[in-house]
Each structure stands twice: as C-alpha cells, then as structure tokens.
Amino acid sequence: MLVSQTKLVLQHLKKYGTITSYEAIKLYGVTRLSAIIYTLRHNNGYIITTTFESVITRFGAKTKIAIYKLEQ
C-alpha cells in the first residue's frame, strides 16, 4: 500500500518535530512541501509554525530556508 506524501510529512513532523524542504525532497521525494503544510494547516487543523534560518549555499551565497514545526 502506498502512503501519501501528506501522511509521510505528518509522520515526520510527529516523530522529529520539524522539517525543511531539503529533508522532504531527500527523504520522501516531496517537492511541494509548502502545499502539504498548507493542507495540514487548513484542511486538517494542525498548528504548524514557520521560522526562517539563514544558511550559506554551496556557491557561497546567503539565503533563507523555511523550517516548519508542528506545535503540540
């Protein structure tokens, strides 16, 4: 039986507390994490906060990444 990407992301959030787009792509093949987070928030009622962290890319440029956190 196939598990939906939404369920995989929710399971990850419940187990680890947070997820980033990189983790979602690498672990689950999820390329539209923000859409899944939207669904979990608006259709399923989960409280998920977004914070941003500054990181350096592999090319040496500064950028910000979103970190989604499931609130208990």
N, C-alpha and C. Protein backbone atom coordinates (compact mmCIF):
# COMPACT_ATOMS: atom_id res chain seq x y z
N MET A 1 0.84 -1.18 0.00
CA MET A 1 0.00 0.00 0.00
C MET A 1 0.88 1.25 0.00
N LEU A 2 0.57 2.18 -0.86
CA LEU A 2 1.30 3.42 -0.93
C LEU A 2 0.82 4.39 0.14
N VAL A 3 1.75 5.11 0.73
CA VAL A 3 1.42 6.12 1.72
C VAL A 3 1.54 7.48 1.04
N SER A 4 0.56 8.35 1.25
CA SER A 4 0.58 9.67 0.60
C SER A 4 1.72 10.52 1.15
N GLN A 5 2.14 11.47 0.35
CA GLN A 5 3.19 12.38 0.78
C GLN A 5 2.75 13.19 1.99
N THR A 6 1.49 13.54 2.05
CA THR A 6 0.97 14.29 3.20
C THR A 6 1.13 13.47 4.47
N LYS A 7 0.79 12.18 4.41
CA LYS A 7 0.94 11.33 5.59
C LYS A 7 2.40 11.16 5.97
N LEU A 8 3.29 11.05 4.98
CA LEU A 8 4.72 10.92 5.28
C LEU A 8 5.25 12.16 5.99
N VAL A 9 4.85 13.34 5.50
CA VAL A 9 5.30 14.58 6.12
C VAL A 9 4.74 14.70 7.53
N LEU A 10 3.47 14.36 7.73
CA LEU A 10 2.87 14.42 9.06
C LEU A 10 3.56 13.45 10.01
N GLN A 11 3.85 12.25 9.56
CA GLN A 11 4.57 11.29 10.40
C GLN A 11 5.94 11.83 10.78
N HIS A 12 6.62 12.45 9.83
CA HIS A 12 7.94 13.03 10.11
C HIS A 12 7.82 14.13 11.16
N LEU A 13 6.85 15.02 10.99
CA LEU A 13 6.66 16.10 11.95
C LEU A 13 6.35 15.57 13.34
N LYS A 14 5.53 14.54 13.42
CA LYS A 14 5.19 13.95 14.72
C LYS A 14 6.40 13.29 15.37
N LYS A 15 7.26 12.68 14.57
CA LYS A 15 8.42 11.99 15.11
C LYS A 15 9.57 12.94 15.46
N TYR A 16 9.86 13.88 14.54
CA TYR A 16 11.04 14.74 14.70
C TYR A 16 10.72 16.18 15.08
N GLY A 17 9.47 16.61 14.90
CA GLY A 17 9.08 17.95 15.30
C GLY A 17 9.18 19.00 14.22
N THR A 18 10.20 18.91 13.35
CA THR A 18 10.40 19.90 12.30
C THR A 18 10.74 19.22 10.98
N ILE A 19 10.59 19.99 9.90
CA ILE A 19 11.00 19.51 8.58
C ILE A 19 11.35 20.72 7.71
N THR A 20 12.31 20.52 6.81
CA THR A 20 12.68 21.53 5.82
C THR A 20 12.42 20.96 4.44
N SER A 21 12.43 21.81 3.44
CA SER A 21 12.23 21.35 2.07
C SER A 21 13.30 20.35 1.65
N TYR A 22 14.53 20.59 2.06
CA TYR A 22 15.62 19.68 1.71
C TYR A 22 15.35 18.29 2.27
N GLU A 23 14.94 18.22 3.53
CA GLU A 23 14.64 16.92 4.14
C GLU A 23 13.48 16.24 3.41
N ALA A 24 12.45 17.02 3.08
CA ALA A 24 11.28 16.47 2.41
C ALA A 24 11.65 15.88 1.05
N ILE A 25 12.49 16.57 0.31
CA ILE A 25 12.93 16.07 -1.00
C ILE A 25 13.79 14.83 -0.84
N LYS A 26 14.78 14.94 0.02
CA LYS A 26 15.75 13.85 0.20
C LYS A 26 15.11 12.58 0.75
N LEU A 27 14.24 12.73 1.74
CA LEU A 27 13.69 11.55 2.42
C LEU A 27 12.44 10.99 1.75
N TYR A 28 11.59 11.86 1.20
CA TYR A 28 10.28 11.42 0.74
C TYR A 28 9.95 11.77 -0.71
N GLY A 29 10.84 12.48 -1.40
CA GLY A 29 10.56 12.88 -2.77
C GLY A 29 9.51 13.97 -2.88
N VAL A 30 9.27 14.69 -1.80
CA VAL A 30 8.27 15.76 -1.76
C VAL A 30 8.91 17.03 -2.30
N THR A 31 8.37 17.56 -3.40
CA THR A 31 8.92 18.78 -3.98
C THR A 31 8.05 20.01 -3.72
N ARG A 32 6.85 19.81 -3.19
CA ARG A 32 5.95 20.94 -2.89
C ARG A 32 5.56 20.90 -1.41
N LEU A 33 6.56 20.99 -0.55
CA LEU A 33 6.33 20.90 0.89
C LEU A 33 5.37 21.99 1.37
N SER A 34 5.50 23.20 0.86
CA SER A 34 4.62 24.28 1.33
C SER A 34 3.15 23.97 1.06
N ALA A 35 2.85 23.29 -0.04
CA ALA A 35 1.47 22.90 -0.34
C ALA A 35 0.96 21.87 0.66
N ILE A 36 1.82 20.95 1.04
CA ILE A 36 1.43 19.94 2.03
C ILE A 36 1.22 20.60 3.39
N ILE A 37 2.09 21.52 3.76
CA ILE A 37 1.93 22.24 5.03
C ILE A 37 0.62 23.02 5.02
N TYR A 38 0.29 23.66 3.89
CA TYR A 38 -0.97 24.38 3.77
C TYR A 38 -2.15 23.44 4.01
N THR A 39 -2.12 22.27 3.39
CA THR A 39 -3.20 21.29 3.56
C THR A 39 -3.31 20.85 5.02
N LEU A 40 -2.18 20.58 5.66
CA LEU A 40 -2.21 20.14 7.06
C LEU A 40 -2.77 21.25 7.96
N ARG A 41 -2.44 22.49 7.67
CA ARG A 41 -2.94 23.61 8.47
C ARG A 41 -4.43 23.85 8.24
N HIS A 42 -4.82 24.01 6.99
CA HIS A 42 -6.16 24.49 6.66
C HIS A 42 -7.21 23.40 6.53
N ASN A 43 -6.84 22.22 6.11
CA ASN A 43 -7.82 21.15 5.94
C ASN A 43 -7.85 20.17 7.11
N ASN A 44 -6.72 20.09 7.83
CA ASN A 44 -6.63 19.11 8.91
C ASN A 44 -6.49 19.74 10.29
N GLY A 45 -6.34 21.05 10.36
CA GLY A 45 -6.34 21.75 11.64
C GLY A 45 -5.06 21.68 12.45
N TYR A 46 -3.96 21.23 11.87
CA TYR A 46 -2.70 21.18 12.62
C TYR A 46 -2.12 22.58 12.74
N ILE A 47 -1.51 22.84 13.88
CA ILE A 47 -0.84 24.11 14.10
C ILE A 47 0.64 23.90 13.77
N ILE A 48 1.05 24.49 12.66
CA ILE A 48 2.42 24.36 12.19
C ILE A 48 2.97 25.76 12.01
N THR A 49 4.06 26.05 12.69
CA THR A 49 4.68 27.37 12.59
C THR A 49 5.84 27.32 11.60
N THR A 50 6.15 28.48 11.05
CA THR A 50 7.25 28.61 10.11
C THR A 50 8.26 29.58 10.65
N THR A 51 9.51 29.16 10.69
CA THR A 51 10.61 30.06 11.03
C THR A 51 11.60 30.01 9.87
N PHE A 52 12.41 31.04 9.78
CA PHE A 52 13.39 31.10 8.71
C PHE A 52 14.79 31.13 9.30
N GLU A 53 15.69 30.42 8.66
CA GLU A 53 17.08 30.36 9.10
C GLU A 53 17.97 30.75 7.94
N SER A 54 18.95 31.59 8.21
CA SER A 54 19.92 31.97 7.19
C SER A 54 20.97 30.88 7.06
N VAL A 55 21.25 30.51 5.82
CA VAL A 55 22.28 29.49 5.54
C VAL A 55 23.13 29.97 4.37
N ILE A 56 24.25 29.32 4.21
CA ILE A 56 25.14 29.59 3.08
C ILE A 56 24.97 28.45 2.08
N THR A 57 24.72 28.81 0.82
CA THR A 57 24.56 27.79 -0.22
C THR A 57 25.91 27.18 -0.58
N ARG A 58 25.88 26.14 -1.38
CA ARG A 58 27.13 25.51 -1.82
C ARG A 58 27.95 26.44 -2.71
N PHE A 59 27.33 27.52 -3.20
CA PHE A 59 28.03 28.50 -4.02
C PHE A 59 28.53 29.69 -3.22
N GLY A 60 28.30 29.66 -1.91
CA GLY A 60 28.79 30.71 -1.02
C GLY A 60 27.84 31.88 -0.83
N ALA A 61 26.64 31.79 -1.37
CA ALA A 61 25.67 32.88 -1.23
C ALA A 61 24.80 32.66 0.01
N LYS A 62 24.34 33.77 0.59
CA LYS A 62 23.42 33.67 1.73
C LYS A 62 22.00 33.49 1.21
N THR A 63 21.24 32.66 1.90
CA THR A 63 19.83 32.50 1.59
C THR A 63 19.09 32.12 2.87
N LYS A 64 17.78 32.13 2.82
CA LYS A 64 16.98 31.72 3.97
C LYS A 64 16.19 30.48 3.60
N ILE A 65 16.07 29.58 4.57
CA ILE A 65 15.24 28.39 4.37
C ILE A 65 14.13 28.38 5.41
N ALA A 66 13.01 27.81 5.03
CA ALA A 66 11.86 27.69 5.94
C ALA A 66 12.00 26.41 6.74
N ILE A 67 11.73 26.51 8.02
CA ILE A 67 11.68 25.35 8.90
C ILE A 67 10.27 25.28 9.46
N TYR A 68 9.59 24.20 9.16
CA TYR A 68 8.21 24.01 9.61
C TYR A 68 8.22 23.18 10.89
N LYS A 69 7.48 23.65 11.90
CA LYS A 69 7.45 22.97 13.20
C LYS A 69 6.02 22.67 13.60
N LEU A 70 5.77 21.43 13.95
CA LEU A 70 4.45 21.02 14.44
C LEU A 70 4.37 21.39 15.91
N GLU A 71 3.38 22.21 16.24
CA GLU A 71 3.17 22.61 17.64
C GLU A 71 2.29 21.57 18.33
N GLN A 72 2.66 21.22 19.52
CA GLN A 72 1.92 20.18 20.26
C GLN A 72 0.78 20.76 21.05
